[in-house]
């Protein structure tokens, strides 16, 4: 009898917690942050976050990450991270965010041996499993490649790219939804994140090309199973039926990749296409796997495309 009462009480408590989480999630982002900060809780990308590594749980070991997703923001990174982490040989602790943002603060600060050791402490896992992180901001931080190589020289890097104009639109829409500033500095940041070839060079100076797996978001949406198998192969894992359980494609639309559309003035779109075109062409020449036909704003730059098709009126995927 007492056991039944305890189970009933636990179920009731779980329901209350679930309802409270649902109500909290409906609050405006700024109010949610205010409440969490009042409780002393900060996200890894916020100034108040404590970077002291968590204690390993019983049976866990720590060490440098086996893989690091380095970018790019608003290219489906959360969706893809969630998909690959369903593999039974990969491990992620529920109390540790996928985005560590560990190297963000070292742009104008010394990076010591103790900082390298502390970074390794952020990756607890049971022996025999692999773990990692995915911080999209790393790709655009000029100091991140050198520091990551010093902290995890053998790690494998994952990079997910998207049509840079559509990434720009989604990035600004995300800022607005979160109630964050979107002035000239923020717009400039959003533009700079789309110069993939320029940013990629910094990483290839520090890491062997064979350590980097580059994907197109649009290809992952069109062929999630095939791209998932390729990701597992890169990580040294066998394919897993568990990771292919549906839904695969629809998760991209529920995982935060798509924000309410940010409409661009046609002249602004043409300007962005012009700004990015040289970088996009260089990227495609360096990485033959990049299919420009999958990027609506740059399909006219693909081999064999009609020069008359400027691509700027093609809707976002």
Protein backbone atom coordinates (compact mmCIF):
# COMPACT_ATOMS: atom_id res chain seq x y z
CA UNK A 1 0.00 0.00 0.00
CA UNK A 2 2.74 2.41 1.00
CA UNK A 3 4.65 1.49 -2.13
CA UNK A 4 1.63 2.29 -4.31
CA UNK A 5 1.19 5.64 -2.55
CA UNK A 6 4.85 6.49 -3.06
CA UNK A 7 4.66 5.63 -6.77
CA UNK A 8 1.51 7.73 -7.15
CA UNK A 9 3.15 10.66 -5.37
CA UNK A 10 6.23 10.39 -7.58
CA UNK A 11 4.09 10.30 -10.73
CA UNK A 12 2.16 13.37 -9.54
CA UNK A 13 5.40 15.19 -8.78
CA UNK A 14 6.76 14.36 -12.24
CA UNK A 15 3.59 15.70 -13.86
CA UNK A 16 3.87 18.94 -11.90
CA UNK A 17 7.50 19.34 -12.93
CA UNK A 18 6.57 18.67 -16.54
CA UNK A 19 3.79 21.26 -16.42
CA UNK A 20 6.12 23.79 -14.81
CA UNK A 21 8.72 23.24 -17.55
CA UNK A 22 6.07 23.71 -20.23
CA UNK A 23 4.90 26.97 -18.66
CA UNK A 24 8.47 28.19 -18.23
CA UNK A 25 9.24 27.45 -21.88
CA UNK A 26 6.35 29.70 -22.92
CA UNK A 27 7.88 32.75 -21.21
CA UNK A 28 9.65 35.32 -23.40
CA UNK A 29 13.38 34.45 -23.79
CA UNK A 30 14.50 37.57 -21.94
CA UNK A 31 12.29 36.76 -18.95
CA UNK A 32 13.51 33.15 -18.90
CA UNK A 33 17.11 34.38 -18.79
CA UNK A 34 16.26 36.79 -15.96
CA UNK A 35 14.71 34.00 -13.89
CA UNK A 36 17.61 31.61 -14.50
CA UNK A 37 20.22 34.25 -13.69
CA UNK A 38 18.37 35.02 -10.47
CA UNK A 39 18.85 31.35 -9.58
CA UNK A 40 22.55 31.56 -10.43
CA UNK A 41 22.17 29.49 -13.59
CA UNK A 42 24.00 30.62 -16.73
CA UNK A 43 24.49 29.11 -20.15
CA UNK A 44 28.06 28.35 -21.34
CA UNK A 45 27.94 31.35 -23.70
CA UNK A 46 27.00 33.77 -20.90
CA UNK A 47 29.49 35.76 -18.84
CA UNK A 48 28.42 34.30 -15.50
CA UNK A 49 29.05 30.66 -16.43
CA UNK A 50 31.45 28.68 -14.21
CA UNK A 51 33.96 26.75 -16.34
CA UNK A 52 35.09 24.51 -13.49
CA UNK A 53 34.79 20.97 -14.91
CA UNK A 54 32.04 18.76 -13.46
CA UNK A 55 32.97 15.79 -11.32
CA UNK A 56 32.96 12.47 -13.18
CA UNK A 57 30.19 10.11 -12.16
CA UNK A 58 31.10 6.61 -10.98
CA UNK A 59 32.46 4.62 -13.92
CA UNK A 60 33.25 7.70 -16.01
CA UNK A 61 36.66 8.74 -17.31
CA UNK A 62 37.70 12.11 -18.74
CA UNK A 63 39.95 13.20 -21.56
CA UNK A 64 40.02 15.38 -24.67
CA UNK A 65 36.92 15.13 -26.86
CA UNK A 66 36.80 12.49 -29.58
CA UNK A 67 35.02 14.95 -31.87
CA UNK A 68 34.23 18.67 -31.94
CA UNK A 69 31.58 20.29 -34.09
CA UNK A 70 32.96 23.71 -34.99
CA UNK A 71 30.12 25.25 -36.98
CA UNK A 72 28.16 26.81 -38.36
CA UNK A 73 25.46 28.65 -36.43
CA UNK A 74 21.92 28.20 -37.86
CA UNK A 75 23.00 25.37 -40.16
CA UNK A 76 21.15 22.56 -38.36
CA UNK A 77 23.91 21.72 -35.89
CA UNK A 78 21.60 20.91 -32.97
CA UNK A 79 19.49 18.63 -35.14
CA UNK A 80 22.54 16.80 -36.49
CA UNK A 81 24.20 16.53 -33.08
CA UNK A 82 21.02 15.00 -31.66
CA UNK A 83 20.93 12.50 -34.53
CA UNK A 84 24.52 11.31 -34.23
CA UNK A 85 24.30 11.06 -30.44
CA UNK A 86 21.67 8.34 -30.78
CA UNK A 87 24.50 5.99 -31.75
CA UNK A 88 24.99 3.47 -28.90
CA UNK A 89 28.76 4.05 -28.84
CA UNK A 90 28.41 7.81 -28.35
CA UNK A 91 27.78 9.33 -24.94
CA UNK A 92 26.49 12.69 -23.75
CA UNK A 93 25.76 13.58 -20.14
CA UNK A 94 22.34 15.15 -19.71
CA UNK A 95 23.65 17.87 -17.39
CA UNK A 96 26.27 19.16 -19.85
CA UNK A 97 25.25 21.34 -22.80
CA UNK A 98 26.30 20.29 -26.29
CA UNK A 99 27.90 23.74 -26.72
CA UNK A 100 30.86 24.09 -24.37
CA UNK A 101 31.97 27.56 -25.63
CA UNK A 102 35.19 26.85 -23.77
CA UNK A 103 37.51 28.82 -26.05
CA UNK A 104 35.32 31.91 -26.47
CA UNK A 105 36.92 33.81 -23.57
CA UNK A 106 40.55 33.32 -24.57
CA UNK A 107 40.70 35.81 -27.42
CA UNK A 108 42.53 38.32 -25.18
CA UNK A 109 43.52 35.99 -22.32
CA UNK A 110 46.36 33.53 -21.74
CA UNK A 111 45.66 29.85 -22.39
CA UNK A 112 47.70 27.80 -19.92
CA UNK A 113 48.32 24.10 -19.42
CA UNK A 114 45.75 24.16 -16.61
CA UNK A 115 43.17 25.45 -19.11
CA UNK A 116 43.96 22.56 -21.47
CA UNK A 117 43.51 20.07 -18.63
CA UNK A 118 40.27 21.72 -17.53
CA UNK A 119 38.90 21.43 -21.07
CA UNK A 120 39.50 17.67 -21.01
CA UNK A 121 37.55 17.55 -17.75
CA UNK A 122 34.42 18.66 -19.58
CA UNK A 123 34.16 15.32 -21.41
CA UNK A 124 33.26 12.58 -18.93
CA UNK A 125 32.18 9.28 -20.46
CA UNK A 126 32.11 5.57 -19.63
CA UNK A 127 35.14 3.71 -20.87
CA UNK A 128 34.65 2.34 -24.35
CA UNK A 129 32.39 5.18 -25.53
CA UNK A 130 33.12 8.35 -27.50
CA UNK A 131 31.99 11.88 -26.67
CA UNK A 132 32.36 15.42 -27.92
CA UNK A 133 30.79 18.81 -28.26
CA UNK A 134 29.38 21.08 -30.94
CA UNK A 135 29.93 24.83 -30.49
CA UNK A 136 29.00 26.58 -33.76
CA UNK A 137 30.74 29.82 -32.74
CA UNK A 138 34.17 28.17 -32.84
CA UNK A 139 34.31 28.36 -36.63
CA UNK A 140 34.39 32.15 -36.60
CA UNK A 141 36.84 32.65 -33.71
CA UNK A 142 40.34 33.26 -35.16
CA UNK A 143 42.06 31.97 -32.02
CA UNK A 144 39.95 28.79 -31.66
CA UNK A 145 41.83 26.54 -34.15
CA UNK A 146 45.21 27.04 -32.48
CA UNK A 147 43.84 26.60 -28.95
CA UNK A 148 41.77 23.54 -29.84
CA UNK A 149 44.78 21.92 -31.51
CA UNK A 150 46.75 22.45 -28.29
CA UNK A 151 43.96 20.98 -26.14
CA UNK A 152 42.78 18.15 -28.43
CA UNK A 153 45.23 17.63 -31.32
CA UNK A 154 43.75 14.28 -32.38
CA UNK A 155 40.08 15.23 -32.26
CA UNK A 156 37.87 14.90 -35.34
CA UNK A 157 36.11 18.04 -36.52
CA UNK A 158 32.56 18.28 -37.85
CA UNK A 159 31.46 21.24 -39.96
CA UNK A 160 27.92 21.76 -41.25
CA UNK A 161 27.37 24.45 -43.92
CA UNK A 162 24.24 26.02 -45.38
CA UNK A 163 23.51 28.49 -48.19
CA UNK A 164 25.18 31.56 -46.62
CA UNK A 165 22.34 33.95 -47.49
CA UNK A 166 19.78 31.63 -45.88
CA UNK A 167 22.10 31.23 -42.89
CA UNK A 168 22.25 35.03 -42.61
CA UNK A 169 18.45 35.29 -42.67
CA UNK A 170 18.06 32.60 -40.03
CA UNK A 171 20.79 34.08 -37.83
CA UNK A 172 19.20 37.52 -37.65
CA UNK A 173 15.73 36.05 -37.16
CA UNK A 174 17.08 34.03 -34.23
CA UNK A 175 18.52 37.16 -32.60
CA UNK A 176 15.20 38.94 -32.91
CA UNK A 177 13.26 36.01 -31.50
CA UNK A 178 15.63 35.89 -28.51
CA UNK A 179 15.19 39.63 -27.90
CA UNK A 180 18.89 40.29 -28.61
CA UNK A 181 20.30 43.42 -30.28
CA UNK A 182 20.43 43.45 -34.08
CA UNK A 183 22.32 46.66 -34.80
CA UNK A 184 25.21 47.20 -37.24
CA UNK A 185 27.69 45.16 -35.16
CA UNK A 186 25.33 42.20 -34.99
CA UNK A 187 24.49 42.42 -38.71
CA UNK A 188 28.20 42.51 -39.50
CA UNK A 189 28.74 39.42 -37.34
CA UNK A 190 25.93 37.64 -39.18
CA UNK A 191 27.49 38.50 -42.55
CA UNK A 192 31.01 37.45 -41.51
CA UNK A 193 29.83 33.99 -40.41
CA UNK A 194 28.97 33.17 -44.02
CA UNK A 195 32.46 33.54 -45.49
CA UNK A 196 33.08 29.82 -45.15
CA UNK A 197 36.15 29.50 -47.36
CA UNK A 198 37.92 32.39 -45.66
CA UNK A 199 37.23 30.95 -42.20
CA UNK A 200 38.05 27.39 -43.22
CA UNK A 201 41.63 28.35 -44.07
CA UNK A 202 42.36 29.12 -40.40
CA UNK A 203 41.35 25.59 -39.44
CA UNK A 204 43.30 23.88 -42.21
CA UNK A 205 46.44 25.66 -41.00
CA UNK A 206 46.09 23.85 -37.66
CA UNK A 207 44.43 20.52 -38.49
CA UNK A 208 45.01 17.90 -41.14
CA UNK A 209 42.25 17.94 -43.77
CA UNK A 210 41.57 14.28 -42.95
CA UNK A 211 40.46 15.34 -39.47
CA UNK A 212 37.64 17.47 -40.88
CA UNK A 213 34.25 16.20 -42.08
CA UNK A 214 32.34 18.86 -44.03
CA UNK A 215 28.63 18.48 -44.75
CA UNK A 216 25.93 20.52 -46.45
CA UNK A 217 22.81 21.06 -44.40
CA UNK A 218 20.62 20.84 -47.49
CA UNK A 219 22.09 17.44 -48.37
CA UNK A 220 21.49 16.21 -44.81
CA UNK A 221 17.83 17.20 -45.10
CA UNK A 222 17.48 15.54 -48.51
CA UNK A 223 19.33 12.33 -47.55
CA UNK A 224 19.57 12.13 -43.75
CA UNK A 225 20.20 8.37 -43.63
CA UNK A 226 23.04 8.47 -46.13
CA UNK A 227 24.69 11.49 -44.53
CA UNK A 228 24.32 9.94 -41.10
CA UNK A 229 26.14 6.82 -42.27
CA UNK A 230 28.92 9.00 -43.67
CA UNK A 231 29.21 10.86 -40.36
CA UNK A 232 29.45 7.61 -38.41
CA UNK A 233 32.10 6.31 -40.78
CA UNK A 234 34.15 9.48 -40.27
CA UNK A 235 33.91 9.03 -36.50
CA UNK A 236 35.11 5.43 -36.82
CA UNK A 237 31.74 3.96 -35.92
CA UNK A 238 29.70 1.28 -37.61
CA UNK A 239 26.27 2.25 -38.86
CA UNK A 240 23.49 1.89 -36.30
CA UNK A 241 19.87 0.96 -36.94
CA UNK A 242 18.92 2.78 -33.72
CA UNK A 243 20.14 6.10 -35.12
CA UNK A 244 17.98 5.69 -38.24
CA UNK A 245 14.68 5.35 -36.43
CA UNK A 246 12.18 7.94 -37.74
CA UNK A 247 11.77 10.83 -37.79
CA UNK A 248 15.04 11.93 -39.37
CA UNK A 249 14.18 14.64 -41.84
CA UNK A 250 11.25 16.28 -40.02
CA UNK A 251 13.41 16.74 -36.94
CA UNK A 252 15.30 19.46 -38.82
CA UNK A 253 12.18 21.57 -38.86
CA UNK A 254 11.48 21.04 -35.16
CA UNK A 255 15.01 21.38 -33.86
CA UNK A 256 15.37 25.14 -33.96
CA UNK A 257 17.06 25.41 -37.34
CA UNK A 258 14.22 27.37 -38.91
CA UNK A 259 13.19 30.69 -37.37
CA UNK A 260 10.22 32.80 -38.47
CA UNK A 261 11.24 33.98 -41.94
CA UNK A 262 13.24 37.19 -42.14
CA UNK A 263 12.29 38.80 -45.41
CA UNK A 264 15.13 40.44 -47.31
CA UNK A 265 14.71 43.35 -49.66
CA UNK A 266 15.63 42.05 -53.15
CA UNK A 267 18.46 44.57 -53.38
CA UNK A 268 19.86 43.34 -50.04
CA UNK A 269 19.69 39.75 -51.22
CA UNK A 270 21.51 40.62 -54.43
CA UNK A 271 24.13 42.48 -52.42
CA UNK A 272 24.71 39.46 -50.17
CA UNK A 273 24.94 37.12 -53.15
CA UNK A 274 27.53 39.45 -54.66
CA UNK A 275 29.48 39.63 -51.40
CA UNK A 276 29.58 35.88 -50.95
CA UNK A 277 30.00 34.71 -54.55
CA UNK A 278 33.81 34.77 -54.71
CA UNK A 279 34.07 32.94 -51.37
CA UNK A 280 31.45 30.37 -52.44
CA UNK A 281 33.26 29.67 -55.71
CA UNK A 282 36.58 29.22 -53.89
CA UNK A 283 34.92 26.87 -51.41
CA UNK A 284 33.41 24.72 -54.18
CA UNK A 285 36.74 24.55 -56.02
CA UNK A 286 38.56 23.47 -52.88
CA UNK A 287 35.84 21.03 -51.78
CA UNK A 288 34.40 19.20 -54.80
CA UNK A 289 31.80 17.59 -52.52
CA UNK A 290 30.06 20.98 -52.13
CA UNK A 291 27.12 20.97 -54.55
CA UNK A 292 26.16 24.57 -55.32
CA UNK A 293 22.93 23.36 -56.90
CA UNK A 294 21.72 22.74 -53.34
CA UNK A 295 22.19 26.43 -52.41
CA UNK A 296 19.33 28.39 -54.04
CA UNK A 297 21.14 31.72 -54.00
CA UNK A 298 24.27 30.30 -55.65
CA UNK A 299 22.94 27.58 -57.93
CA UNK A 300 23.80 29.82 -60.89
CA UNK A 301 27.49 29.37 -59.99
CA UNK A 302 27.36 25.59 -60.28
CA UNK A 303 29.14 24.01 -63.29
CA UNK A 304 26.79 23.93 -66.26
CA UNK A 305 24.30 26.41 -64.76
CA UNK A 306 22.82 29.12 -66.94
CA UNK A 307 24.47 32.52 -66.31
CA UNK A 308 21.06 34.13 -66.78
CA UNK A 309 19.81 32.43 -63.61
CA UNK A 310 21.08 34.72 -60.86
CA UNK A 311 19.46 32.55 -58.18
CA UNK A 312 18.28 35.45 -56.05
CA UNK A 313 14.55 34.82 -56.39
CA UNK A 314 14.70 31.14 -55.42
CA UNK A 315 12.90 30.64 -52.08
CA UNK A 316 14.72 29.46 -48.98
CA UNK A 317 14.67 25.68 -48.33
